[in-house]
Structure formats: structure tokens, C-alpha cells
Amino acid sequence: MPTLTAPRRAPCQVLVLPFRKTGSDTEYALFRRSDSGDWQAITGGGDGGETPLLACATIPASDFAARSE
């Protein structure tokens, strides 16, 4: 019988919530997944010795599409 192993996860996981201040309000950006249509923030994982802050800064823009709906 084959041995099942869990997929390897990145050492740290990050959740990015882009926002902007508009006067006294705050607007948050959510992105729609192309595969499921769900709305979500930007997520990713750190590689190697990346800190959570560096992992946030290095999520490729190709992982999400900025489009107003």
C-alpha cells in the first residue's frame, strides 16, 4: 500500500489586505478568483528564510488581476 504524505507548506503563510484611506473612510481591495469566482484577499507563502514581510512584498502580480467590478 502506498504511503500518503501531506503537501509541503511554506514556512510562513501571509494574508495581504490592500487598502486606501479616502477622507475619513477606508476602502479595502478584494480580488475575484478566476477558477471559482470567490472573492478573497491576496494570499501566499514565504520560501526559505523569507520573513512574512518579505513574503508579502514578493507575491507575483500575476497571481491576481486588478480589475474594478
Protein backbone atom coordinates (compact mmCIF):
# COMPACT_ATOMS: atom_id res chain seq x y z
CA MET A 1 0.00 0.00 0.00
CA PRO A 2 1.45 3.45 -0.94
CA THR A 3 2.33 5.90 1.80
CA LEU A 4 0.35 9.14 1.69
CA THR A 5 2.08 12.36 2.66
CA ALA A 6 0.64 15.80 3.21
CA PRO A 7 1.67 18.50 0.72
CA ARG A 8 4.63 20.61 1.89
CA ARG A 9 3.52 24.05 3.09
CA ALA A 10 5.64 27.16 3.05
CA PRO A 11 7.30 28.02 6.38
CA CYS A 12 5.01 31.03 6.77
CA GLN A 13 1.66 31.97 5.24
CA VAL A 14 0.63 35.59 4.59
CA LEU A 15 -2.69 37.35 4.02
CA VAL A 16 -2.46 40.77 2.34
CA LEU A 17 -5.33 43.26 2.55
CA PRO A 18 -4.57 46.22 0.25
CA PHE A 19 -6.34 49.39 1.40
CA ARG A 20 -6.50 53.11 0.88
CA LYS A 21 -7.74 55.95 3.04
CA THR A 22 -10.37 58.16 1.40
CA GLY A 23 -11.06 61.08 3.68
CA SER A 24 -12.46 59.57 6.86
CA ASP A 25 -13.21 56.19 5.20
CA THR A 26 -11.03 53.19 4.43
CA GLU A 27 -11.51 51.11 1.26
CA TYR A 28 -10.23 47.53 1.05
CA ALA A 29 -9.42 45.62 -2.14
CA LEU A 30 -10.66 42.08 -2.64
CA PHE A 31 -9.90 40.02 -5.73
CA ARG A 32 -12.11 37.52 -7.55
CA ARG A 33 -10.59 34.11 -8.21
CA SER A 34 -10.69 33.13 -11.88
CA ASP A 35 -11.13 29.44 -11.04
CA SER A 36 -14.01 29.60 -8.55
CA GLY A 37 -15.32 33.17 -8.70
CA ASP A 38 -14.81 33.57 -4.94
CA TRP A 39 -13.71 36.94 -3.56
CA GLN A 40 -10.60 36.97 -1.39
CA ALA A 41 -7.59 38.94 -0.25
CA ILE A 42 -4.14 38.14 -1.63
CA THR A 43 -2.52 35.11 -0.03
CA GLY A 44 0.83 33.43 -0.35
CA GLY A 45 3.63 31.68 1.42
CA GLY A 46 7.20 32.52 2.30
CA ASP A 47 10.06 30.49 0.86
CA GLY A 48 13.29 29.53 2.57
CA GLY A 49 14.37 32.20 5.00
CA GLU A 50 11.84 34.83 3.91
CA THR A 51 10.24 36.87 6.64
CA PRO A 52 6.46 37.36 6.49
CA LEU A 53 7.02 40.98 5.37
CA LEU A 54 9.29 39.91 2.52
CA ALA A 55 6.82 37.18 1.52
CA CYS A 56 4.10 39.86 1.21
CA ALA A 57 6.33 42.02 -0.95
CA THR A 58 7.28 39.20 -3.32
CA ILE A 59 3.85 37.76 -4.20
CA PRO A 60 3.86 37.97 -8.02
CA ALA A 61 1.37 40.38 -9.54
CA SER A 62 0.44 37.62 -11.98
CA ASP A 63 -1.26 35.82 -9.05
CA PHE A 64 -4.07 38.38 -9.14
CA ALA A 65 -5.66 40.70 -11.67
CA ALA A 66 -6.60 44.23 -10.73
CA ARG A 67 -9.98 44.92 -12.30
CA SER A 68 -12.80 47.06 -11.00
CA GLU A 69 -16.25 45.47 -10.73
